[in-house]
Amino acid sequence: MNREEAEETVRQLNGLIDSSLGTVGVVTPFTAQAQLIGRLARRQFGENHLNEIDFVCGTAHRLQGDERDAIILSSVISPAMASSGIRWMEKERNLLNVAVSRARRDLVVIGHPDIEKLGSPTLASLRVYLRQKAARQEGSEISPATFRMDSLSEQLLLDAMQLSNLMPHAKLEIEGYELDFALLEQGIKLNIEIDGDQHLDARSRQRRQDITRDRILARLGWTVLRLPAWRCHEEIDAVIQEIIQTRDRLADTAASRAGGG
């Protein structure tokens, strides 16, 4: 449970009710959080008022095959949460896809501001997507997601990916490894690494540490695409095309597996 998030969820629910946005639901990955939010909501609004907006509060299983005009997602994850709980949610990330797709019109996601440091690339990617989508809306005051860049080549690639409607996340930490860029969409996990000269040994071969790292990430379901830094300066269009082709190939494979093909 995350009581701070539960209380914020009820405040957001109050705003949605006041705005007369129609039916409202709350989704969270964890049953205990759903029960807590449900109790707080009934205490503040009363059962009859909640019935008027067809209120539902539960895990993604509760809303499978159902929708609401507005959905609030309480992610629960925080630095105090056990790593086993975070790993479980990453394993069951399809439940998050169900949760966010239940909203007909409005989606509110509540989460920790340092989510990219807490081992949940799926939630971190969702945050980037929502912030960038909001920034594209006319008159929005929300700025696009910004990331720490360690080199000019990384900045050039980030700019090019965003111009190509790719939605990368930067500097995600996975099992103690920091990823330069990550694409998480359509069931894929693609890590894009920009390698300067420091990634090569005296014989101009990939460092053993990088090889070990990539093998560990592969066992976790990641595909690693390594790109020499000079390519970001001299052939950025070709780099973007390679990233898109890799993404599409992985997405096709994931779709085939999901469909039993």
C-alpha atoms as a PDB file:
ATOM      1  CA  MET A   1       0.000   0.000   0.000  1.00  0.00           C
ATOM      2  CA  ASN A   2       0.970   3.626  -0.535  1.00  0.00           C
ATOM      3  CA  ARG A   3      -1.250   5.826   1.626  1.00  0.00           C
ATOM      4  CA  GLU A   4       0.070   9.102   0.215  1.00  0.00           C
ATOM      5  CA  GLU A   5      -0.907   7.966  -3.271  1.00  0.00           C
ATOM      6  CA  ALA A   6      -4.282   6.750  -2.013  1.00  0.00           C
ATOM      7  CA  GLU A   7      -5.060  10.152  -0.524  1.00  0.00           C
ATOM      8  CA  GLU A   8      -3.938  11.907  -3.726  1.00  0.00           C
ATOM      9  CA  THR A   9      -6.142   9.532  -5.729  1.00  0.00           C
ATOM     10  CA  VAL A  10      -9.171  10.630  -3.718  1.00  0.00           C
ATOM     11  CA  ARG A  11      -8.257  14.300  -4.287  1.00  0.00           C
ATOM     12  CA  GLN A  12      -8.037  13.644  -8.024  1.00  0.00           C
ATOM     13  CA  LEU A  13     -11.338  11.786  -7.873  1.00  0.00           C
ATOM     14  CA  ASN A  14     -12.925  14.812  -6.230  1.00  0.00           C
ATOM     15  CA  GLY A  15     -11.704  17.009  -9.100  1.00  0.00           C
ATOM     16  CA  LEU A  16     -13.093  14.631 -11.716  1.00  0.00           C
ATOM     17  CA  ILE A  17     -16.452  14.510  -9.947  1.00  0.00           C
ATOM     18  CA  ASP A  18     -16.590  18.321  -9.719  1.00  0.00           C
ATOM     19  CA  SER A  19     -15.808  18.544 -13.452  1.00  0.00           C
ATOM     20  CA  SER A  20     -18.774  16.285 -14.265  1.00  0.00           C
ATOM     21  CA  LEU A  21     -16.652  14.145 -16.576  1.00  0.00           C
ATOM     22  CA  GLY A  22     -19.002  11.172 -16.376  1.00  0.00           C
ATOM     23  CA  THR A  23     -18.154   7.704 -15.105  1.00  0.00           C
ATOM     24  CA  VAL A  24     -14.921   7.258 -13.144  1.00  0.00           C
ATOM     25  CA  GLY A  25     -12.761   4.305 -12.167  1.00  0.00           C
ATOM     26  CA  VAL A  26      -9.565   3.743 -10.197  1.00  0.00           C
ATOM     27  CA  VAL A  27      -7.065   1.062 -11.181  1.00  0.00           C
ATOM     28  CA  THR A  28      -3.997  -0.085  -9.258  1.00  0.00           C
ATOM     29  CA  PRO A  29      -1.725  -3.133  -9.597  1.00  0.00           C
ATOM     30  CA  PHE A  30      -2.206  -4.162  -5.966  1.00  0.00           C
ATOM     31  CA  THR A  31      -5.372  -5.370  -4.208  1.00  0.00           C
ATOM     32  CA  ALA A  32      -4.469  -3.816  -0.846  1.00  0.00           C
ATOM     33  CA  GLN A  33      -4.121  -0.385  -2.485  1.00  0.00           C
ATOM     34  CA  ALA A  34      -7.486  -0.795  -4.218  1.00  0.00           C
ATOM     35  CA  GLN A  35      -9.133  -1.659  -0.913  1.00  0.00           C
ATOM     36  CA  LEU A  36      -7.578   1.360   0.816  1.00  0.00           C
ATOM     37  CA  ILE A  37      -8.635   3.775  -1.949  1.00  0.00           C
ATOM     38  CA  GLY A  38     -12.140   2.293  -1.948  1.00  0.00           C
ATOM     39  CA  ARG A  39     -12.506   2.865   1.794  1.00  0.00           C
ATOM     40  CA  LEU A  40     -11.251   6.458   1.560  1.00  0.00           C
ATOM     41  CA  ALA A  41     -13.539   7.207  -1.388  1.00  0.00           C
ATOM     42  CA  ARG A  42     -16.653   5.807   0.319  1.00  0.00           C
ATOM     43  CA  ARG A  43     -15.820   7.738   3.489  1.00  0.00           C
ATOM     44  CA  GLN A  44     -15.521  11.045   1.584  1.00  0.00           C
ATOM     45  CA  PHE A  45     -18.234  10.757  -1.069  1.00  0.00           C
ATOM     46  CA  GLY A  46     -20.680   8.156   0.213  1.00  0.00           C
ATOM     47  CA  GLU A  47     -21.911   5.027  -1.516  1.00  0.00           C
ATOM     48  CA  ASN A  48     -24.852   6.703  -3.260  1.00  0.00           C
ATOM     49  CA  HIS A  49     -22.727   9.442  -4.821  1.00  0.00           C
ATOM     50  CA  LEU A  50     -20.186   6.912  -6.079  1.00  0.00           C
ATOM     51  CA  ASN A  51     -22.958   4.797  -7.584  1.00  0.00           C
ATOM     52  CA  GLU A  52     -24.133   7.851  -9.551  1.00  0.00           C
ATOM     53  CA  ILE A  53     -20.800   7.984 -11.399  1.00  0.00           C
ATOM     54  CA  ASP A  54     -20.652   4.196 -11.790  1.00  0.00           C
ATOM     55  CA  PHE A  55     -17.501   4.210  -9.657  1.00  0.00           C
ATOM     56  CA  VAL A  56     -15.277   1.141  -9.653  1.00  0.00           C
ATOM     57  CA  CYS A  57     -11.990   0.628  -7.834  1.00  0.00           C
ATOM     58  CA  GLY A  58      -9.815  -2.434  -8.262  1.00  0.00           C
ATOM     59  CA  THR A  59      -6.937  -4.102 -10.055  1.00  0.00           C
ATOM     60  CA  ALA A  60      -6.765  -4.349 -13.831  1.00  0.00           C
ATOM     61  CA  HIS A  61      -8.567  -7.698 -13.644  1.00  0.00           C
ATOM     62  CA  ARG A  62     -11.582  -5.876 -12.222  1.00  0.00           C
ATOM     63  CA  LEU A  63     -11.877  -3.654 -15.306  1.00  0.00           C
ATOM     64  CA  GLN A  64     -11.109  -6.181 -18.032  1.00  0.00           C
ATOM     65  CA  GLY A  65     -13.801  -5.787 -20.681  1.00  0.00           C
ATOM     66  CA  ASP A  66     -15.087  -2.613 -18.996  1.00  0.00           C
ATOM     67  CA  GLU A  67     -14.409   1.117 -19.451  1.00  0.00           C
ATOM     68  CA  ARG A  68     -14.978   4.455 -17.741  1.00  0.00           C
ATOM     69  CA  ASP A  69     -14.931   8.004 -19.066  1.00  0.00           C
ATOM     70  CA  ALA A  70     -12.051   8.802 -16.705  1.00  0.00           C
ATOM     71  CA  ILE A  71      -9.495   6.458 -15.118  1.00  0.00           C
ATOM     72  CA  ILE A  72      -7.056   7.171 -12.290  1.00  0.00           C
ATOM     73  CA  LEU A  73      -4.064   4.832 -12.094  1.00  0.00           C
ATOM     74  CA  SER A  74      -2.304   4.549  -8.728  1.00  0.00           C
ATOM     75  CA  SER A  75       1.043   2.864  -9.408  1.00  0.00           C
ATOM     76  CA  VAL A  76       1.997   2.448  -5.679  1.00  0.00           C
ATOM     77  CA  ILE A  77       5.739   2.053  -6.375  1.00  0.00           C
ATOM     78  CA  SER A  78       8.047   4.131  -4.172  1.00  0.00           C
ATOM     79  CA  PRO A  79      11.589   3.836  -2.754  1.00  0.00           C
ATOM     80  CA  ALA A  80      10.121   2.107   0.328  1.00  0.00           C
ATOM     81  CA  MET A  81       8.612  -0.719  -1.725  1.00  0.00           C
ATOM     82  CA  ALA A  82      10.246  -4.149  -1.747  1.00  0.00           C
ATOM     83  CA  SER A  83      12.134  -4.921  -4.951  1.00  0.00           C
ATOM     84  CA  SER A  84      10.124  -8.150  -5.311  1.00  0.00           C
ATOM     85  CA  GLY A  85       6.935  -6.118  -5.702  1.00  0.00           C
ATOM     86  CA  ILE A  86       8.486  -3.952  -8.377  1.00  0.00           C
ATOM     87  CA  ARG A  87       9.771  -7.016 -10.260  1.00  0.00           C
ATOM     88  CA  TRP A  88       6.318  -8.586 -10.079  1.00  0.00           C
ATOM     89  CA  MET A  89       4.712  -5.528 -11.635  1.00  0.00           C
ATOM     90  CA  GLU A  90       7.273  -5.475 -14.444  1.00  0.00           C
ATOM     91  CA  LYS A  91       6.570  -9.137 -15.104  1.00  0.00           C
ATOM     92  CA  GLU A  92       2.830  -8.384 -15.231  1.00  0.00           C
ATOM     93  CA  ARG A  93       3.199  -5.157 -17.213  1.00  0.00           C
ATOM     94  CA  ASN A  94       0.389  -6.205 -19.561  1.00  0.00           C
ATOM     95  CA  LEU A  95      -1.944  -5.414 -16.652  1.00  0.00           C
ATOM     96  CA  LEU A  96      -0.819  -1.787 -16.932  1.00  0.00           C
ATOM     97  CA  ASN A  97      -1.709  -1.840 -20.620  1.00  0.00           C
ATOM     98  CA  VAL A  98      -5.190  -3.005 -19.659  1.00  0.00           C
ATOM     99  CA  ALA A  99      -5.449  -0.327 -16.981  1.00  0.00           C
ATOM    100  CA  VAL A 100      -4.566   2.673 -19.153  1.00  0.00           C
ATOM    101  CA  SER A 101      -6.707   1.440 -22.049  1.00  0.00           C
ATOM    102  CA  ARG A 102      -9.865   1.484 -19.889  1.00  0.00           C
ATOM    103  CA  ALA A 103     -10.087   5.294 -20.104  1.00  0.00           C
ATOM    104  CA  ARG A 104     -12.439   6.568 -22.820  1.00  0.00           C
ATOM    105  CA  ARG A 105     -11.450  10.208 -22.446  1.00  0.00           C
ATOM    106  CA  ASP A 106      -9.281  11.135 -19.443  1.00  0.00           C
ATOM    107  CA  LEU A 107      -6.362   9.341 -17.779  1.00  0.00           C
ATOM    108  CA  VAL A 108      -4.633  10.429 -14.575  1.00  0.00           C
ATOM    109  CA  VAL A 109      -1.482   8.532 -13.542  1.00  0.00           C
ATOM    110  CA  ILE A 110      -0.151   8.944 -10.011  1.00  0.00           C
ATOM    111  CA  GLY A 111       3.406   7.848  -9.316  1.00  0.00           C
ATOM    112  CA  HIS A 112       6.698   8.686  -7.663  1.00  0.00           C
ATOM    113  CA  PRO A 113       8.688  11.573  -9.249  1.00  0.00           C
ATOM    114  CA  ASP A 114      11.839   9.413  -9.346  1.00  0.00           C
ATOM    115  CA  ILE A 115      10.162   6.423 -10.982  1.00  0.00           C
ATOM    116  CA  GLU A 116      12.989   6.054 -13.515  1.00  0.00           C
ATOM    117  CA  LYS A 117      15.343   5.193 -10.636  1.00  0.00           C
ATOM    118  CA  LEU A 118      13.101   2.565  -9.021  1.00  0.00           C
ATOM    119  CA  GLY A 119      13.473  -0.348 -11.443  1.00  0.00           C
ATOM    120  CA  SER A 120      10.191  -0.008 -13.355  1.00  0.00           C
ATOM    121  CA  PRO A 121      11.008   0.857 -16.975  1.00  0.00           C
ATOM    122  CA  THR A 122       7.373   0.295 -17.960  1.00  0.00           C
ATOM    123  CA  LEU A 123       6.059   3.007 -15.634  1.00  0.00           C
ATOM    124  CA  ALA A 124       8.982   5.270 -16.490  1.00  0.00           C
ATOM    125  CA  SER A 125       8.188   4.865 -20.178  1.00  0.00           C
ATOM    126  CA  LEU A 126       4.500   5.580 -19.541  1.00  0.00           C
ATOM    127  CA  ARG A 127       5.448   8.795 -17.766  1.00  0.00           C
ATOM    128  CA  VAL A 128       7.600   9.923 -20.708  1.00  0.00           C
ATOM    129  CA  TYR A 129       4.837   9.091 -23.180  1.00  0.00           C
ATOM    130  CA  LEU A 130       2.163  11.002 -21.263  1.00  0.00           C
ATOM    131  CA  ARG A 131       4.366  14.062 -20.730  1.00  0.00           C
ATOM    132  CA  GLN A 132       5.343  14.216 -24.396  1.00  0.00           C
ATOM    133  CA  LYS A 133       1.737  13.715 -25.512  1.00  0.00           C
ATOM    134  CA  ALA A 134       0.602  16.513 -23.210  1.00  0.00           C
ATOM    135  CA  ALA A 135       3.345  18.800 -24.510  1.00  0.00           C
ATOM    136  CA  ARG A 136       2.071  18.358 -28.071  1.00  0.00           C
ATOM    137  CA  GLN A 137      -1.413  19.544 -27.166  1.00  0.00           C
ATOM    138  CA  GLU A 138      -2.064  23.117 -28.125  1.00  0.00           C
ATOM    139  CA  GLY A 139      -1.735  25.496 -25.216  1.00  0.00           C
ATOM    140  CA  SER A 140      -0.207  22.899 -22.886  1.00  0.00           C
ATOM    141  CA  GLU A 141       2.090  24.273 -20.195  1.00  0.00           C
ATOM    142  CA  ILE A 142       3.747  20.886 -19.654  1.00  0.00           C
ATOM    143  CA  SER A 143       7.229  20.732 -21.124  1.00  0.00           C
ATOM    144  CA  PRO A 144       8.559  17.611 -22.868  1.00  0.00           C
ATOM    145  CA  ALA A 145      10.448  15.152 -20.704  1.00  0.00           C
ATOM    146  CA  THR A 146      14.080  16.136 -20.300  1.00  0.00           C
ATOM    147  CA  PHE A 147      16.951  13.769 -19.639  1.00  0.00           C
ATOM    148  CA  ARG A 148      20.539  13.908 -18.504  1.00  0.00           C
ATOM    149  CA  MET A 149      22.856  13.527 -21.471  1.00  0.00           C
ATOM    150  CA  ASP A 150      26.509  12.585 -20.991  1.00  0.00           C
ATOM    151  CA  SER A 151      27.802  13.542 -24.450  1.00  0.00           C
ATOM    152  CA  LEU A 152      26.968  15.522 -27.563  1.00  0.00           C
ATOM    153  CA  SER A 153      26.422  12.282 -29.494  1.00  0.00           C
ATOM    154  CA  GLU A 154      23.734  11.231 -26.983  1.00  0.00           C
ATOM    155  CA  GLN A 155      22.028  14.618 -27.285  1.00  0.00           C
ATOM    156  CA  LEU A 156      22.086  14.449 -31.082  1.00  0.00           C
ATOM    157  CA  LEU A 157      20.511  11.004 -31.016  1.00  0.00           C
ATOM    158  CA  LEU A 158      17.847  12.009 -28.486  1.00  0.00           C
ATOM    159  CA  ASP A 159      16.856  15.023 -30.591  1.00  0.00           C
ATOM    160  CA  ALA A 160      16.685  12.894 -33.737  1.00  0.00           C
ATOM    161  CA  MET A 161      14.602  10.183 -32.061  1.00  0.00           C
ATOM    162  CA  GLN A 162      12.100  12.698 -30.727  1.00  0.00           C
ATOM    163  CA  LEU A 163      11.822  14.350 -34.154  1.00  0.00           C
ATOM    164  CA  SER A 164      11.104  10.881 -35.593  1.00  0.00           C
ATOM    165  CA  ASN A 165       8.234  10.337 -33.121  1.00  0.00           C
ATOM    166  CA  LEU A 166      10.207   7.764 -31.174  1.00  0.00           C
ATOM    167  CA  MET A 167       9.604   7.971 -27.432  1.00  0.00           C
ATOM    168  CA  PRO A 168      12.839   6.944 -25.710  1.00  0.00           C
ATOM    169  CA  HIS A 169      13.579   6.949 -22.029  1.00  0.00           C
ATOM    170  CA  ALA A 170      17.094   7.788 -20.944  1.00  0.00           C
ATOM    171  CA  LYS A 171      19.301   6.597 -18.101  1.00  0.00           C
ATOM    172  CA  LEU A 172      16.997   3.870 -16.840  1.00  0.00           C
ATOM    173  CA  GLU A 173      18.663   1.694 -14.218  1.00  0.00           C
ATOM    174  CA  ILE A 174      18.124  -2.039 -14.766  1.00  0.00           C
ATOM    175  CA  GLU A 175      19.730  -4.557 -12.394  1.00  0.00           C
ATOM    176  CA  GLY A 176      22.397  -2.000 -11.504  1.00  0.00           C
ATOM    177  CA  TYR A 177      23.162  -1.093 -15.139  1.00  0.00           C
ATOM    178  CA  GLU A 178      22.398   2.353 -16.558  1.00  0.00           C
ATOM    179  CA  LEU A 179      20.912   2.262 -20.057  1.00  0.00           C
ATOM    180  CA  ASP A 180      21.696   5.132 -22.430  1.00  0.00           C
ATOM    181  CA  PHE A 181      18.270   4.896 -24.083  1.00  0.00           C
ATOM    182  CA  ALA A 182      15.366   2.473 -23.867  1.00  0.00           C
ATOM    183  CA  LEU A 183      12.337   1.926 -26.073  1.00  0.00           C
ATOM    184  CA  LEU A 184       9.432   0.148 -24.398  1.00  0.00           C
ATOM    185  CA  GLU A 185       6.419  -0.159 -26.656  1.00  0.00           C
ATOM    186  CA  GLN A 186       4.416  -2.877 -28.378  1.00  0.00           C
ATOM    187  CA  GLY A 187       5.825  -5.476 -25.990  1.00  0.00           C
ATOM    188  CA  ILE A 188       9.506  -4.792 -26.742  1.00  0.00           C
ATOM    189  CA  LYS A 189      12.498  -3.886 -24.571  1.00  0.00           C
ATOM    190  CA  LEU A 190      15.191  -2.268 -26.722  1.00  0.00           C
ATOM    191  CA  ASN A 191      18.335  -0.796 -25.160  1.00  0.00           C
ATOM    192  CA  ILE A 192      20.285   1.624 -27.393  1.00  0.00           C
ATOM    193  CA  GLU A 193      23.875   2.236 -26.321  1.00  0.00           C
ATOM    194  CA  ILE A 194      26.139   4.960 -27.702  1.00  0.00           C
ATOM    195  CA  ASP A 195      29.738   3.735 -27.562  1.00  0.00           C
ATOM    196  CA  GLY A 196      32.691   6.084 -27.536  1.00  0.00           C
ATOM    197  CA  ASP A 197      36.328   5.004 -27.714  1.00  0.00           C
ATOM    198  CA  GLN A 198      36.278   4.089 -24.013  1.00  0.00           C
ATOM    199  CA  HIS A 199      34.116   1.069 -24.843  1.00  0.00           C
ATOM    200  CA  LEU A 200      36.909  -0.518 -26.909  1.00  0.00           C
ATOM    201  CA  ASP A 201      39.952  -2.320 -25.571  1.00  0.00           C
ATOM    202  CA  ALA A 202      43.517  -2.016 -26.874  1.00  0.00           C
ATOM    203  CA  ARG A 203      42.665  -4.312 -29.797  1.00  0.00           C
ATOM    204  CA  SER A 204      39.613  -2.214 -30.721  1.00  0.00           C
ATOM    205  CA  ARG A 205      37.258  -4.936 -29.492  1.00  0.00           C
ATOM    206  CA  GLN A 206      34.228  -4.502 -27.259  1.00  0.00           C
ATOM    207  CA  ARG A 207      35.161  -4.380 -23.599  1.00  0.00           C
ATOM    208  CA  ARG A 208      34.571  -7.599 -21.680  1.00  0.00           C
ATOM    209  CA  GLN A 209      32.488  -5.689 -19.117  1.00  0.00           C
ATOM    210  CA  ASP A 210      30.108  -4.549 -21.863  1.00  0.00           C
ATOM    211  CA  ILE A 211      29.768  -8.078 -23.225  1.00  0.00           C
ATOM    212  CA  THR A 212      28.911  -9.401 -19.764  1.00  0.00           C
ATOM    213  CA  ARG A 213      26.411  -6.588 -19.224  1.00  0.00           C
ATOM    214  CA  ASP A 214      24.673  -7.256 -22.529  1.00  0.00           C
ATOM    215  CA  ARG A 215      24.357 -10.961 -21.745  1.00  0.00           C
ATOM    216  CA  ILE A 216      22.716 -10.198 -18.400  1.00  0.00           C
ATOM    217  CA  LEU A 217      20.259  -7.794 -20.040  1.00  0.00           C
ATOM    218  CA  ALA A 218      19.489 -10.377 -22.734  1.00  0.00           C
ATOM    219  CA  ARG A 219      18.516 -12.865 -20.048  1.00  0.00           C
ATOM    220  CA  LEU A 220      16.107 -10.216 -18.735  1.00  0.00           C
ATOM    221  CA  GLY A 221      14.465  -9.922 -22.147  1.00  0.00           C
ATOM    222  CA  TRP A 222      16.335  -6.894 -23.483  1.00  0.00           C
ATOM    223  CA  THR A 223      17.753  -6.475 -26.967  1.00  0.00           C
ATOM    224  CA  VAL A 224      20.887  -4.317 -26.971  1.00  0.00           C
ATOM    225  CA  LEU A 225      21.729  -2.197 -30.021  1.00  0.00           C
ATOM    226  CA  ARG A 226      25.219  -0.679 -29.815  1.00  0.00           C
ATOM    227  CA  LEU A 227      26.056   2.290 -32.024  1.00  0.00           C
ATOM    228  CA  PRO A 228      29.456   3.997 -32.408  1.00  0.00           C
ATOM    229  CA  ALA A 229      29.289   7.598 -31.232  1.00  0.00           C
ATOM    230  CA  TRP A 230      30.686   8.940 -34.517  1.00  0.00           C
ATOM    231  CA  ARG A 231      27.589   7.735 -36.376  1.00  0.00           C
ATOM    232  CA  CYS A 232      25.413  10.168 -34.402  1.00  0.00           C
ATOM    233  CA  HIS A 233      27.479  13.007 -35.875  1.00  0.00           C
ATOM    234  CA  GLU A 234      28.018  11.768 -39.426  1.00  0.00           C
ATOM    235  CA  GLU A 235      25.049   9.572 -40.398  1.00  0.00           C
ATOM    236  CA  ILE A 236      22.216  10.235 -37.949  1.00  0.00           C
ATOM    237  CA  ASP A 237      19.506   9.473 -40.534  1.00  0.00           C
ATOM    238  CA  ALA A 238      20.906   5.982 -41.073  1.00  0.00           C
ATOM    239  CA  VAL A 239      21.088   5.479 -37.303  1.00  0.00           C
ATOM    240  CA  ILE A 240      17.429   6.417 -36.878  1.00  0.00           C
ATOM    241  CA  GLN A 241      16.446   4.074 -39.699  1.00  0.00           C
ATOM    242  CA  GLU A 242      18.361   1.226 -38.035  1.00  0.00           C
ATOM    243  CA  ILE A 243      16.637   1.879 -34.718  1.00  0.00           C
ATOM    244  CA  ILE A 244      13.190   1.930 -36.355  1.00  0.00           C
ATOM    245  CA  GLN A 245      13.902  -1.279 -38.265  1.00  0.00           C
ATOM    246  CA  THR A 246      15.098  -2.996 -35.083  1.00  0.00           C
ATOM    247  CA  ARG A 247      12.044  -1.780 -33.169  1.00  0.00           C
ATOM    248  CA  ASP A 248       9.651  -2.971 -35.886  1.00  0.00           C
ATOM    249  CA  ARG A 249      11.335  -6.384 -36.109  1.00  0.00           C
ATOM    250  CA  LEU A 250      11.093  -6.873 -32.355  1.00  0.00           C
ATOM    251  CA  ALA A 251       7.461  -5.686 -32.336  1.00  0.00           C
ATOM    252  CA  ASP A 252       6.560  -8.173 -35.088  1.00  0.00           C
ATOM    253  CA  THR A 253       8.191 -10.971 -33.119  1.00  0.00           C
ATOM    254  CA  ALA A 254       6.364  -9.974 -29.931  1.00  0.00           C
ATOM    255  CA  ALA A 255       3.023  -9.790 -31.763  1.00  0.00           C
ATOM    256  CA  SER A 256       3.617 -13.216 -33.313  1.00  0.00           C
ATOM    257  CA  ARG A 257       4.333 -14.741 -29.923  1.00  0.00           C
ATOM    258  CA  ALA A 258       1.291 -13.085 -28.366  1.00  0.00           C
ATOM    259  CA  GLY A 259      -0.899 -14.443 -31.141  1.00  0.00           C
ATOM    260  CA  GLY A 260       0.535 -17.930 -30.904  1.00  0.00           C
ATOM    261  CA  GLY A 261       2.031 -17.651 -34.390  1.00  0.00           C
END
